Amino acid sequence: MAKNILELIIGSFDDKKQWRAYKARVKALPEPYRETVDAIERYLMHSGDTPADWSLAGKMFDDLADLFDRAAADGTPVRDIVGDDPVEFVEEFVRTYSDGGWIAKERERLRTTIADAAGDA
């Protein structure tokens, strides 16, 4: 019972273990891959684009680490992964993990409202 109360206060222990494992994987990456993943993670945390559901967010971060692990092993240049526009890469990457959260609902509400107001129905 104490574990449940403690987890209610500080969050799931399993989720924290998964996050720490992800961070250890990123820390083990060679440069410039580690710096790139750190920059992507920072952007995601500040932009609010991460899925609200940890099961999706955890999978997304694990897949990000997998992608850069393989790239480092293969010697794939960072630009070959992220392209010319890193923001576009990250936004497309995140879209594959979208749970249709509140922003997707608000975007659709905006489209519908404007279409109705403009008589496009």
PDB file of N, CA and C in Angstrom:
ATOM      1  N   MET A   1       0.822  -1.194   0.000  1.00  0.00           N
ATOM      2  CA  MET A   1       0.000   0.000   0.000  1.00  0.00           C
ATOM      3  C   MET A   1       0.869   1.264   0.000  1.00  0.00           C
ATOM      4  N   ALA A   2       1.971   1.232   0.743  1.00  0.00           N
ATOM      5  CA  ALA A   2       2.849   2.404   0.805  1.00  0.00           C
ATOM      6  C   ALA A   2       3.410   2.730  -0.573  1.00  0.00           C
ATOM      7  N   LYS A   3       3.735   1.695  -1.341  1.00  0.00           N
ATOM      8  CA  LYS A   3       4.263   1.932  -2.681  1.00  0.00           C
ATOM      9  C   LYS A   3       3.232   2.677  -3.533  1.00  0.00           C
ATOM     10  N   ASN A   4       1.980   2.302  -3.443  1.00  0.00           N
ATOM     11  CA  ASN A   4       0.944   2.965  -4.230  1.00  0.00           C
ATOM     12  C   ASN A   4       0.791   4.433  -3.848  1.00  0.00           C
ATOM     13  N   ILE A   5       0.836   4.724  -2.578  1.00  0.00           N
ATOM     14  CA  ILE A   5       0.718   6.106  -2.118  1.00  0.00           C
ATOM     15  C   ILE A   5       1.936   6.901  -2.577  1.00  0.00           C
ATOM     16  N   LEU A   6       3.116   6.323  -2.419  1.00  0.00           N
ATOM     17  CA  LEU A   6       4.344   6.993  -2.844  1.00  0.00           C
ATOM     18  C   LEU A   6       4.332   7.232  -4.352  1.00  0.00           C
ATOM     19  N   GLU A   7       3.894   6.250  -5.120  1.00  0.00           N
ATOM     20  CA  GLU A   7       3.819   6.421  -6.575  1.00  0.00           C
ATOM     21  C   GLU A   7       2.790   7.471  -6.970  1.00  0.00           C
ATOM     22  N   LEU A   8       1.735   7.595  -6.198  1.00  0.00           N
ATOM     23  CA  LEU A   8       0.755   8.655  -6.466  1.00  0.00           C
ATOM     24  C   LEU A   8       1.400  10.029  -6.306  1.00  0.00           C
ATOM     25  N   ILE A   9       2.300  10.145  -5.362  1.00  0.00           N
ATOM     26  CA  ILE A   9       2.936  11.431  -5.083  1.00  0.00           C
ATOM     27  C   ILE A   9       4.038  11.738  -6.084  1.00  0.00           C
ATOM     28  N   ILE A  10       4.928  10.769  -6.349  1.00  0.00           N
ATOM     29  CA  ILE A  10       6.102  11.053  -7.181  1.00  0.00           C
ATOM     30  C   ILE A  10       6.041  10.454  -8.580  1.00  0.00           C
ATOM     31  N   GLY A  11       5.045   9.629  -8.856  1.00  0.00           N
ATOM     32  CA  GLY A  11       4.926   9.031 -10.183  1.00  0.00           C
ATOM     33  C   GLY A  11       5.387   7.577 -10.192  1.00  0.00           C
ATOM     34  N   SER A  12       5.162   6.929 -11.304  1.00  0.00           N
ATOM     35  CA  SER A  12       5.455   5.511 -11.455  1.00  0.00           C
ATOM     36  C   SER A  12       6.955   5.243 -11.391  1.00  0.00           C
ATOM     37  N   PHE A  13       7.325   4.246 -10.581  1.00  0.00           N
ATOM     38  CA  PHE A  13       8.730   3.853 -10.501  1.00  0.00           C
ATOM     39  C   PHE A  13       9.198   3.260 -11.828  1.00  0.00           C
ATOM     40  N   ASP A  14       8.330   2.493 -12.480  1.00  0.00           N
ATOM     41  CA  ASP A  14       8.705   1.886 -13.766  1.00  0.00           C
ATOM     42  C   ASP A  14       8.966   2.956 -14.824  1.00  0.00           C
ATOM     43  N   ASP A  15       8.144   3.988 -14.836  1.00  0.00           N
ATOM     44  CA  ASP A  15       8.354   5.079 -15.790  1.00  0.00           C
ATOM     45  C   ASP A  15       9.680   5.787 -15.518  1.00  0.00           C
ATOM     46  N   LYS A  16       9.989   5.979 -14.252  1.00  0.00           N
ATOM     47  CA  LYS A  16      11.252   6.635 -13.891  1.00  0.00           C
ATOM     48  C   LYS A  16      12.440   5.761 -14.285  1.00  0.00           C
ATOM     49  N   LYS A  17      12.319   4.444 -14.109  1.00  0.00           N
ATOM     50  CA  LYS A  17      13.384   3.529 -14.520  1.00  0.00           C
ATOM     51  C   LYS A  17      13.579   3.581 -16.032  1.00  0.00           C
ATOM     52  N   GLN A  18      12.469   3.628 -16.763  1.00  0.00           N
ATOM     53  CA  GLN A  18      12.551   3.698 -18.225  1.00  0.00           C
ATOM     54  C   GLN A  18      13.226   4.998 -18.659  1.00  0.00           C
ATOM     55  N   TRP A  19      12.882   6.103 -18.014  1.00  0.00           N
ATOM     56  CA  TRP A  19      13.486   7.396 -18.348  1.00  0.00           C
ATOM     57  C   TRP A  19      14.989   7.390 -18.052  1.00  0.00           C
ATOM     58  N   ARG A  20      15.361   6.850 -16.898  1.00  0.00           N
ATOM     59  CA  ARG A  20      16.785   6.783 -16.554  1.00  0.00           C
ATOM     60  C   ARG A  20      17.556   5.896 -17.532  1.00  0.00           C
ATOM     61  N   ALA A  21      16.947   4.803 -17.971  1.00  0.00           N
ATOM     62  CA  ALA A  21      17.599   3.920 -18.951  1.00  0.00           C
ATOM     63  C   ALA A  21      17.780   4.651 -20.279  1.00  0.00           C
ATOM     64  N   TYR A  22      16.759   5.408 -20.689  1.00  0.00           N
ATOM     65  CA  TYR A  22      16.868   6.201 -21.916  1.00  0.00           C
ATOM     66  C   TYR A  22      18.009   7.215 -21.796  1.00  0.00           C
ATOM     67  N   LYS A  23      18.063   7.932 -20.674  1.00  0.00           N
ATOM     68  CA  LYS A  23      19.107   8.945 -20.480  1.00  0.00           C
ATOM     69  C   LYS A  23      20.503   8.305 -20.482  1.00  0.00           C
ATOM     70  N   ALA A  24      20.636   7.119 -19.926  1.00  0.00           N
ATOM     71  CA  ALA A  24      21.927   6.424 -19.930  1.00  0.00           C
ATOM     72  C   ALA A  24      22.321   6.040 -21.359  1.00  0.00           C
ATOM     73  N   ARG A  25      21.347   5.609 -22.157  1.00  0.00           N
ATOM     74  CA  ARG A  25      21.631   5.279 -23.555  1.00  0.00           C
ATOM     75  C   ARG A  25      22.105   6.510 -24.316  1.00  0.00           C
ATOM     76  N   VAL A  26      21.445   7.634 -24.093  1.00  0.00           N
ATOM     77  CA  VAL A  26      21.831   8.871 -24.780  1.00  0.00           C
ATOM     78  C   VAL A  26      23.222   9.308 -24.336  1.00  0.00           C
ATOM     79  N   LYS A  27      23.499   9.197 -23.050  1.00  0.00           N
ATOM     80  CA  LYS A  27      24.802   9.598 -22.532  1.00  0.00           C
ATOM     81  C   LYS A  27      25.926   8.760 -23.144  1.00  0.00           C
ATOM     82  N   ALA A  28      25.628   7.523 -23.496  1.00  0.00           N
ATOM     83  CA  ALA A  28      26.633   6.628 -24.074  1.00  0.00           C
ATOM     84  C   ALA A  28      26.873   6.879 -25.564  1.00  0.00           C
ATOM     85  N   LEU A  29      26.018   7.676 -26.195  1.00  0.00           N
ATOM     86  CA  LEU A  29      26.203   7.956 -27.619  1.00  0.00           C
ATOM     87  C   LEU A  29      27.446   8.802 -27.848  1.00  0.00           C
ATOM     88  N   PRO A  30      28.151   8.553 -28.956  1.00  0.00           N
ATOM     89  CA  PRO A  30      29.290   9.421 -29.281  1.00  0.00           C
ATOM     90  C   PRO A  30      28.793  10.759 -29.836  1.00  0.00           C
ATOM     91  N   GLU A  31      29.663  11.757 -29.779  1.00  0.00           N
ATOM     92  CA  GLU A  31      29.342  13.037 -30.425  1.00  0.00           C
ATOM     93  C   GLU A  31      29.407  12.824 -31.927  1.00  0.00           C
ATOM     94  N   PRO A  32      28.649  13.450 -32.742  1.00  0.00           N
ATOM     95  CA  PRO A  32      27.666  14.505 -32.505  1.00  0.00           C
ATOM     96  C   PRO A  32      26.261  13.967 -32.229  1.00  0.00           C
ATOM     97  N   TYR A  33      26.117  12.631 -32.139  1.00  0.00           N
ATOM     98  CA  TYR A  33      24.797  12.025 -31.955  1.00  0.00           C
ATOM     99  C   TYR A  33      24.194  12.389 -30.601  1.00  0.00           C
ATOM    100  N   ARG A  34      25.025  12.342 -29.547  1.00  0.00           N
ATOM    101  CA  ARG A  34      24.525  12.697 -28.217  1.00  0.00           C
ATOM    102  C   ARG A  34      24.048  14.140 -28.190  1.00  0.00           C
ATOM    103  N   GLU A  35      24.829  15.041 -28.738  1.00  0.00           N
ATOM    104  CA  GLU A  35      24.455  16.455 -28.763  1.00  0.00           C
ATOM    105  C   GLU A  35      23.158  16.665 -29.548  1.00  0.00           C
ATOM    106  N   THR A  36      23.005  15.932 -30.622  1.00  0.00           N
ATOM    107  CA  THR A  36      21.792  16.044 -31.446  1.00  0.00           C
ATOM    108  C   THR A  36      20.572  15.551 -30.688  1.00  0.00           C
ATOM    109  N   VAL A  37      20.684  14.387 -30.044  1.00  0.00           N
ATOM    110  CA  VAL A  37      19.547  13.857 -29.274  1.00  0.00           C
ATOM    111  C   VAL A  37      19.220  14.794 -28.115  1.00  0.00           C
ATOM    112  N   ASP A  38      20.229  15.313 -27.449  1.00  0.00           N
ATOM    113  CA  ASP A  38      19.980  16.268 -26.356  1.00  0.00           C
ATOM    114  C   ASP A  38      19.229  17.503 -26.869  1.00  0.00           C
ATOM    115  N   ALA A  39      19.618  17.989 -28.040  1.00  0.00           N
ATOM    116  CA  ALA A  39      18.949  19.164 -28.619  1.00  0.00           C
ATOM    117  C   ALA A  39      17.496  18.836 -28.982  1.00  0.00           C
ATOM    118  N   ILE A  40      17.274  17.666 -29.541  1.00  0.00           N
ATOM    119  CA  ILE A  40      15.908  17.252 -29.901  1.00  0.00           C
ATOM    120  C   ILE A  40      15.063  17.116 -28.638  1.00  0.00           C
ATOM    121  N   GLU A  41      15.612  16.474 -27.625  1.00  0.00           N
ATOM    122  CA  GLU A  41      14.892  16.308 -26.357  1.00  0.00           C
ATOM    123  C   GLU A  41      14.544  17.665 -25.741  1.00  0.00           C
ATOM    124  N   ARG A  42      15.495  18.578 -25.736  1.00  0.00           N
ATOM    125  CA  ARG A  42      15.248  19.913 -25.183  1.00  0.00           C
ATOM    126  C   ARG A  42      14.125  20.602 -25.953  1.00  0.00           C
ATOM    127  N   TYR A  43      14.176  20.517 -27.274  1.00  0.00           N
ATOM    128  CA  TYR A  43      13.132  21.127 -28.093  1.00  0.00           C
ATOM    129  C   TYR A  43      11.772  20.516 -27.751  1.00  0.00           C
ATOM    130  N   LEU A  44      11.717  19.205 -27.645  1.00  0.00           N
ATOM    131  CA  LEU A  44      10.450  18.541 -27.336  1.00  0.00           C
ATOM    132  C   LEU A  44       9.913  18.954 -25.972  1.00  0.00           C
ATOM    133  N   MET A  45      10.794  19.070 -25.003  1.00  0.00           N
ATOM    134  CA  MET A  45      10.362  19.437 -23.654  1.00  0.00           C
ATOM    135  C   MET A  45       9.868  20.881 -23.601  1.00  0.00           C
ATOM    136  N   HIS A  46      10.508  21.764 -24.355  1.00  0.00           N
ATOM    137  CA  HIS A  46      10.112  23.169 -24.336  1.00  0.00           C
ATOM    138  C   HIS A  46       8.926  23.463 -25.251  1.00  0.00           C
ATOM    139  N   SER A  47       8.775  22.691 -26.310  1.00  0.00           N
ATOM    140  CA  SER A  47       7.685  22.946 -27.257  1.00  0.00           C
ATOM    141  C   SER A  47       6.371  22.335 -26.801  1.00  0.00           C
ATOM    142  N   GLY A  48       6.446  21.382 -25.892  1.00  0.00           N
ATOM    143  CA  GLY A  48       5.221  20.725 -25.437  1.00  0.00           C
ATOM    144  C   GLY A  48       4.682  19.725 -26.437  1.00  0.00           C
ATOM    145  N   ASP A  49       5.514  19.301 -27.381  1.00  0.00           N
ATOM    146  CA  ASP A  49       5.059  18.378 -28.413  1.00  0.00           C
ATOM    147  C   ASP A  49       5.105  16.914 -28.009  1.00  0.00           C
ATOM    148  N   THR A  50       5.583  16.617 -26.813  1.00  0.00           N
ATOM    149  CA  THR A  50       5.633  15.220 -26.404  1.00  0.00           C
ATOM    150  C   THR A  50       4.227  14.728 -26.084  1.00  0.00           C
ATOM    151  N   PRO A  51       3.947  13.463 -26.384  1.00  0.00           N
ATOM    152  CA  PRO A  51       2.623  12.926 -26.047  1.00  0.00           C
ATOM    153  C   PRO A  51       2.374  12.992 -24.540  1.00  0.00           C
ATOM    154  N   ALA A  52       1.147  13.269 -24.168  1.00  0.00           N
ATOM    155  CA  ALA A  52       0.793  13.365 -22.748  1.00  0.00           C
ATOM    156  C   ALA A  52       0.818  11.987 -22.080  1.00  0.00           C
ATOM    157  N   ASP A  53       0.508  10.967 -22.836  1.00  0.00           N
ATOM    158  CA  ASP A  53       0.492   9.601 -22.331  1.00  0.00           C
ATOM    159  C   ASP A  53       1.933   9.081 -22.276  1.00  0.00           C
ATOM    160  N   TRP A  54       2.407   8.716 -21.074  1.00  0.00           N
ATOM    161  CA  TRP A  54       3.795   8.293 -20.940  1.00  0.00           C
ATOM    162  C   TRP A  54       4.087   7.051 -21.771  1.00  0.00           C
ATOM    163  N   SER A  55       3.136   6.149 -21.957  1.00  0.00           N
ATOM    164  CA  SER A  55       3.424   4.949 -22.744  1.00  0.00           C
ATOM    165  C   SER A  55       3.828   5.335 -24.163  1.00  0.00           C
ATOM    166  N   LEU A  56       3.194   6.359 -24.733  1.00  0.00           N
ATOM    167  CA  LEU A  56       3.587   6.850 -26.059  1.00  0.00           C
ATOM    168  C   LEU A  56       4.881   7.649 -25.994  1.00  0.00           C
ATOM    169  N   ALA A  57       5.012   8.508 -25.017  1.00  0.00           N
ATOM    170  CA  ALA A  57       6.223   9.330 -24.887  1.00  0.00           C
ATOM    171  C   ALA A  57       7.441   8.452 -24.626  1.00  0.00           C
ATOM    172  N   GLY A  58       7.299   7.469 -23.758  1.00  0.00           N
ATOM    173  CA  GLY A  58       8.404   6.563 -23.473  1.00  0.00           C
ATOM    174  C   GLY A  58       8.840   5.799 -24.710  1.00  0.00           C
ATOM    175  N   LYS A  59       7.872   5.326 -25.472  1.00  0.00           N
ATOM    176  CA  LYS A  59       8.172   4.626 -26.730  1.00  0.00           C
ATOM    177  C   LYS A  59       8.869   5.576 -27.702  1.00  0.00           C
ATOM    178  N   MET A  60       8.394   6.808 -27.773  1.00  0.00           N
ATOM    179  CA  MET A  60       8.978   7.783 -28.683  1.00  0.00           C
ATOM    180  C   MET A  60      10.453   8.046 -28.324  1.00  0.00           C
ATOM    181  N   PHE A  61      10.738   8.261 -27.039  1.00  0.00           N
ATOM    182  CA  PHE A  61      12.116   8.524 -26.636  1.00  0.00           C
ATOM    183  C   PHE A  61      13.003   7.294 -26.840  1.00  0.00           C
ATOM    184  N   ASP A  62      12.471   6.107 -26.556  1.00  0.00           N
ATOM    185  CA  ASP A  62      13.246   4.884 -26.807  1.00  0.00           C
ATOM    186  C   ASP A  62      13.559   4.728 -28.293  1.00  0.00           C
ATOM    187  N   ASP A  63      12.581   5.018 -29.136  1.00  0.00           N
ATOM    188  CA  ASP A  63      12.800   4.929 -30.580  1.00  0.00           C
ATOM    189  C   ASP A  63      13.807   5.980 -31.067  1.00  0.00           C
ATOM    190  N   LEU A  64      13.773   7.151 -30.451  1.00  0.00           N
ATOM    191  CA  LEU A  64      14.746   8.187 -30.789  1.00  0.00           C
ATOM    192  C   LEU A  64      16.160   7.703 -30.460  1.00  0.00           C
ATOM    193  N   ALA A  65      16.315   7.104 -29.282  1.00  0.00           N
ATOM    194  CA  ALA A  65      17.623   6.559 -28.897  1.00  0.00           C
ATOM    195  C   ALA A  65      18.027   5.434 -29.843  1.00  0.00           C
ATOM    196  N   ASP A  66      17.083   4.570 -30.225  1.00  0.00           N
ATOM    197  CA  ASP A  66      17.375   3.489 -31.182  1.00  0.00           C
ATOM    198  C   ASP A  66      17.875   4.050 -32.508  1.00  0.00           C
ATOM    199  N   LEU A  67      17.179   5.062 -33.005  1.00  0.00           N
ATOM    200  CA  LEU A  67      17.538   5.669 -34.281  1.00  0.00           C
ATOM    201  C   LEU A  67      18.976   6.176 -34.262  1.00  0.00           C
ATOM    202  N   PHE A  68      19.340   6.885 -33.212  1.00  0.00           N
ATOM    203  CA  PHE A  68      20.681   7.442 -33.149  1.00  0.00           C
ATOM    204  C   PHE A  68      21.728   6.401 -32.759  1.00  0.00           C
ATOM    205  N   ASP A  69      21.342   5.354 -32.025  1.00  0.00           N
ATOM    206  CA  ASP A  69      22.250   4.229 -31.773  1.00  0.00           C
ATOM    207  C   ASP A  69      22.665   3.583 -33.095  1.00  0.00           C
ATOM    208  N   ARG A  70      21.661   3.305 -33.932  1.00  0.00           N
ATOM    209  CA  ARG A  70      21.943   2.669 -35.233  1.00  0.00           C
ATOM    210  C   ARG A  70      22.764   3.593 -36.122  1.00  0.00           C
ATOM    211  N   ALA A  71      22.419   4.867 -36.124  1.00  0.00           N
ATOM    212  CA  ALA A  71      23.155   5.828 -36.950  1.00  0.00           C
ATOM    213  C   ALA A  71      24.618   5.899 -36.524  1.00  0.00           C
ATOM    214  N   ALA A  72      24.854   5.906 -35.216  1.00  0.00           N
ATOM    215  CA  ALA A  72      26.225   5.951 -34.718  1.00  0.00           C
ATOM    216  C   ALA A  72      26.977   4.685 -35.109  1.00  0.00           C
ATOM    217  N   ALA A  73      26.318   3.544 -34.981  1.00  0.00           N
ATOM    218  CA  ALA A  73      26.952   2.270 -35.335  1.00  0.00           C
ATOM    219  C   ALA A  73      27.276   2.202 -36.824  1.00  0.00           C
ATOM    220  N   ASP A  74      26.392   2.757 -37.652  1.00  0.00           N
ATOM    221  CA  ASP A  74      26.585   2.729 -39.109  1.00  0.00           C
ATOM    222  C   ASP A  74      27.443   3.884 -39.605  1.00  0.00           C
ATOM    223  N   GLY A  75      27.695   4.866 -38.758  1.00  0.00           N
ATOM    224  CA  GLY A  75      28.451   6.043 -39.170  1.00  0.00           C
ATOM    225  C   GLY A  75      27.650   6.985 -40.053  1.00  0.00           C
ATOM    226  N   THR A  76      26.325   6.940 -39.931  1.00  0.00           N
ATOM    227  CA  THR A  76      25.452   7.816 -40.704  1.00  0.00           C
ATOM    228  C   THR A  76      25.576   9.245 -40.197  1.00  0.00           C
ATOM    229  N   PRO A  77      25.863  10.199 -41.070  1.00  0.00           N
ATOM    230  CA  PRO A  77      25.970  11.598 -40.618  1.00  0.00           C
ATOM    231  C   PRO A  77      24.629  12.115 -40.062  1.00  0.00           C
ATOM    232  N   VAL A  78      24.746  12.997 -39.082  1.00  0.00           N
ATOM    233  CA  VAL A  78      23.558  13.565 -38.437  1.00  0.00           C
ATOM    234  C   VAL A  78      22.634  14.218 -39.463  1.00  0.00           C
ATOM    235  N   ARG A  79      23.194  14.950 -40.411  1.00  0.00           N
ATOM    236  CA  ARG A  79      22.363  15.631 -41.420  1.00  0.00           C
ATOM    237  C   ARG A  79      21.582  14.644 -42.271  1.00  0.00           C
ATOM    238  N   ASP A  80      22.099  13.437 -42.467  1.00  0.00           N
ATOM    239  CA  ASP A  80      21.354  12.423 -43.212  1.00  0.00           C
ATOM    240  C   ASP A  80      20.131  11.953 -42.437  1.00  0.00           C
ATOM    241  N   ILE A  81      20.155  12.110 -41.131  1.00  0.00           N
ATOM    242  CA  ILE A  81      19.020  11.712 -40.297  1.00  0.00           C
ATOM    243  C   ILE A  81      18.009  12.846 -40.199  1.00  0.00           C
ATOM    244  N   VAL A  82      18.474  14.022 -39.794  1.00  0.00           N
ATOM    245  CA  VAL A  82      17.552  15.131 -39.511  1.00  0.00           C
ATOM    246  C   VAL A  82      17.271  16.009 -40.722  1.00  0.00           C
ATOM    247  N   GLY A  83      18.067  15.896 -41.771  1.00  0.00           N
ATOM    248  CA  GLY A  83      17.847  16.707 -42.965  1.00  0.00           C
ATOM    249  C   GLY A  83      18.270  18.152 -42.761  1.00  0.00           C
ATOM    250  N   ASP A  84      17.830  18.991 -43.683  1.00  0.00           N
ATOM    251  CA  ASP A  84      18.203  20.406 -43.647  1.00  0.00           C
ATOM    252  C   ASP A  84      17.447  21.198 -42.588  1.00  0.00           C
ATOM    253  N   ASP A  85      16.239  20.733 -42.236  1.00  0.00           N
ATOM    254  CA  ASP A  85      15.420  21.440 -41.250  1.00  0.00           C
ATOM    255  C   ASP A  85      15.120  20.517 -40.070  1.00  0.00           C
ATOM    256  N   PRO A  86      15.903  20.626 -38.991  1.00  0.00           N
ATOM    257  CA  PRO A  86      15.694  19.746 -37.834  1.00  0.00           C
ATOM    258  C   PRO A  86      14.303  19.881 -37.210  1.00  0.00           C
ATOM    259  N   VAL A  87      13.716  21.072 -37.268  1.00  0.00           N
ATOM    260  CA  VAL A  87      12.375  21.265 -36.702  1.00  0.00           C
ATOM    261  C   VAL A  87      11.365  20.420 -37.466  1.00  0.00           C
ATOM    262  N   GLU A  88      11.458  20.428 -38.773  1.00  0.00           N
ATOM    263  CA  GLU A  88      10.559  19.611 -39.594  1.00  0.00           C
ATOM    264  C   GLU A  88      10.739  18.127 -39.264  1.00  0.00           C
ATOM    265  N   PHE A  89      11.994  17.690 -39.110  1.00  0.00           N
ATOM    266  CA  PHE A  89      12.267  16.298 -38.750  1.00  0.00           C
ATOM    267  C   PHE A  89      11.591  15.945 -37.429  1.00  0.00           C
ATOM    268  N   VAL A  90      11.793  16.789 -36.410  1.00  0.00           N
ATOM    269  CA  VAL A  90      11.248  16.497 -35.081  1.00  0.00           C
ATOM    270  C   VAL A  90       9.719  16.490 -35.113  1.00  0.00           C
ATOM    271  N   GLU A  91       9.126  17.454 -35.788  1.00  0.00           N
ATOM    272  CA  GLU A  91       7.663  17.509 -35.831  1.00  0.00           C
ATOM    273  C   GLU A  91       7.076  16.301 -36.554  1.00  0.00           C
ATOM    274  N   GLU A  92       7.730  15.854 -37.607  1.00  0.00           N
ATOM    275  CA  GLU A  92       7.267  14.649 -38.311  1.00  0.00           C
ATOM    276  C   GLU A  92       7.475  13.420 -37.435  1.00  0.00           C
ATOM    277  N   PHE A  93       8.605  13.355 -36.748  1.00  0.00           N
ATOM    278  CA  PHE A  93       8.895  12.247 -35.849  1.00  0.00           C
ATOM    279  C   PHE A  93       7.826  12.152 -34.764  1.00  0.00           C
ATOM    280  N   VAL A  94       7.480  13.276 -34.159  1.00  0.00           N
ATOM    281  CA  VAL A  94       6.492  13.300 -33.080  1.00  0.00           C
ATOM    282  C   VAL A  94       5.101  12.921 -33.593  1.00  0.00           C
ATOM    283  N   ARG A  95       4.764  13.353 -34.808  1.00  0.00           N
ATOM    284  CA  ARG A  95       3.446  13.042 -35.363  1.00  0.00           C
ATOM    285  C   ARG A  95       3.162  11.551 -35.397  1.00  0.00           C
ATOM    286  N   THR A  96       4.198  10.739 -35.560  1.00  0.00           N
ATOM    287  CA  THR A  96       3.989   9.298 -35.602  1.00  0.00           C
ATOM    288  C   THR A  96       3.617   8.722 -34.238  1.00  0.00           C
ATOM    289  N   TYR A  97       3.784   9.519 -33.190  1.00  0.00           N
ATOM    290  CA  TYR A  97       3.456   9.083 -31.835  1.00  0.00           C
ATOM    291  C   TYR A  97       2.277   9.865 -31.261  1.00  0.00           C
ATOM    292  N   SER A  98       1.588  10.591 -32.098  1.00  0.00           N
ATOM    293  CA  SER A  98       0.502  11.443 -31.624  1.00  0.00           C
ATOM    294  C   SER A  98      -0.642  10.604 -31.080  1.00  0.00           C
ATOM    295  N   ASP A  99      -1.140  11.035 -29.962  1.00  0.00           N
ATOM    296  CA  ASP A  99      -2.320  10.383 -29.398  1.00  0.00           C
ATOM    297  C   ASP A  99      -3.565  11.213 -29.685  1.00  0.00           C
ATOM    298  N   GLY A 100      -3.413  12.201 -30.583  1.00  0.00           N
ATOM    299  CA  GLY A 100      -4.549  13.062 -30.892  1.00  0.00           C
ATOM    300  C   GLY A 100      -4.902  13.946 -29.714  1.00  0.00           C
ATOM    301  N   GLY A 101      -3.927  14.285 -28.907  1.00  0.00           N
ATOM    302  CA  GLY A 101      -4.136  15.063 -27.693  1.00  0.00           C
ATOM    303  C   GLY A 101      -4.910  16.344 -27.903  1.00  0.00           C
ATOM    304  N   TRP A 102      -4.882  17.165 -26.905  1.00  0.00           N
ATOM    305  CA  TRP A 102      -5.727  18.361 -26.881  1.00  0.00           C
ATOM    306  C   TRP A 102      -5.434  19.295 -28.045  1.00  0.00           C
ATOM    307  N   ILE A 103      -4.181  19.403 -28.475  1.00  0.00           N
ATOM    308  CA  ILE A 103      -3.868  20.341 -29.550  1.00  0.00           C
ATOM    309  C   ILE A 103      -4.490  19.882 -30.861  1.00  0.00           C
ATOM    310  N   ALA A 104      -4.510  18.571 -31.104  1.00  0.00           N
ATOM    311  CA  ALA A 104      -5.143  18.051 -32.319  1.00  0.00           C
ATOM    312  C   ALA A 104      -6.639  18.339 -32.302  1.00  0.00           C
ATOM    313  N   LYS A 105      -7.239  18.189 -31.134  1.00  0.00           N
ATOM    314  CA  LYS A 105      -8.667  18.476 -31.009  1.00  0.00           C
ATOM    315  C   LYS A 105      -8.948  19.966 -31.225  1.00  0.00           C
ATOM    316  N   GLU A 106      -8.095  20.817 -30.676  1.00  0.00           N
ATOM    317  CA  GLU A 106      -8.274  22.263 -30.847  1.00  0.00           C
ATOM    318  C   GLU A 106      -8.036  22.691 -32.294  1.00  0.00           C
ATOM    319  N   ARG A 107      -7.093  22.065 -32.962  1.00  0.00           N
ATOM    320  CA  ARG A 107      -6.866  22.368 -34.379  1.00  0.00           C
ATOM    321  C   ARG A 107      -8.102  22.016 -35.197  1.00  0.00           C
ATOM    322  N   GLU A 108      -8.665  20.865 -34.926  1.00  0.00           N
ATOM    323  CA  GLU A 108      -9.869  20.447 -35.654  1.00  0.00           C
ATOM    324  C   GLU A 108     -11.044  21.362 -35.322  1.00  0.00           C
ATOM    325  N   ARG A 109     -11.175  21.755 -34.062  1.00  0.00           N
ATOM    326  CA  ARG A 109     -12.239  22.671 -33.660  1.00  0.00           C
ATOM    327  C   ARG A 109     -12.091  24.003 -34.403  1.00  0.00           C
ATOM    328  N   LEU A 110     -10.862  24.507 -34.511  1.00  0.00           N
ATOM    329  CA  LEU A 110     -10.607  25.755 -35.236  1.00  0.00           C
ATOM    330  C   LEU A 110     -10.994  25.606 -36.708  1.00  0.00           C
ATOM    331  N   ARG A 111     -10.571  24.522 -37.342  1.00  0.00           N
ATOM    332  CA  ARG A 111     -10.920  24.299 -38.755  1.00  0.00           C
ATOM    333  C   ARG A 111     -12.432  24.254 -38.959  1.00  0.00           C
ATOM    334  N   THR A 112     -13.113  23.518 -38.108  1.00  0.00           N
ATOM    335  CA  THR A 112     -14.560  23.383 -38.222  1.00  0.00           C
ATOM    336  C   THR A 112     -15.268  24.711 -38.000  1.00  0.00           C
ATOM    337  N   THR A 113     -14.864  25.448 -36.989  1.00  0.00           N
ATOM    338  CA  THR A 113     -15.482  26.728 -36.667  1.00  0.00           C
ATOM    339  C   THR A 113     -15.309  27.720 -37.816  1.00  0.00           C
ATOM    340  N   ILE A 114     -14.094  27.785 -38.366  1.00  0.00           N
ATOM    341  CA  ILE A 114     -13.853  28.705 -39.486  1.00  0.00           C
ATOM    342  C   ILE A 114     -14.622  28.268 -40.729  1.00  0.00           C
ATOM    343  N   ALA A 115     -14.679  26.986 -40.981  1.00  0.00           N
ATOM    344  CA  ALA A 115     -15.441  26.495 -42.139  1.00  0.00           C
ATOM    345  C   ALA A 115     -16.923  26.837 -41.990  1.00  0.00           C
ATOM    346  N   ASP A 116     -17.458  26.657 -40.789  1.00  0.00           N
ATOM    347  CA  ASP A 116     -18.855  27.007 -40.539  1.00  0.00           C
ATOM    348  C   ASP A 116     -19.087  28.509 -40.684  1.00  0.00           C
ATOM    349  N   ALA A 117     -18.179  29.310 -40.125  1.00  0.00           N
ATOM    350  CA  ALA A 117     -18.311  30.766 -40.183  1.00  0.00           C
ATOM    351  C   ALA A 117     -18.218  31.273 -41.621  1.00  0.00           C
ATOM    352  N   ALA A 118     -17.380  30.616 -42.414  1.00  0.00           N
ATOM    353  CA  ALA A 118     -17.191  31.039 -43.807  1.00  0.00           C
ATOM    354  C   ALA A 118     -18.261  30.471 -44.737  1.00  0.00           C
ATOM    355  N   GLY A 119     -19.095  29.593 -44.193  1.00  0.00           N
ATOM    356  CA  GLY A 119     -20.146  28.996 -45.006  1.00  0.00           C
ATOM    357  C   GLY A 119     -19.630  27.886 -45.927  1.00  0.00           C
ATOM    358  N   ASP A 120     -18.518  27.275 -45.566  1.00  0.00           N
ATOM    359  CA  ASP A 120     -17.930  26.214 -46.374  1.00  0.00           C
ATOM    360  C   ASP A 120     -18.593  24.860 -46.158  1.00  0.00           C
ATOM    361  N   ALA A 121     -19.494  24.781 -45.232  1.00  0.00           N
ATOM    362  CA  ALA A 121     -20.107  23.497 -44.860  1.00  0.00           C
ATOM    363  C   ALA A 121     -20.632  22.820 -46.063  1.00  0.00           C
TER     364      ALA A 121
END
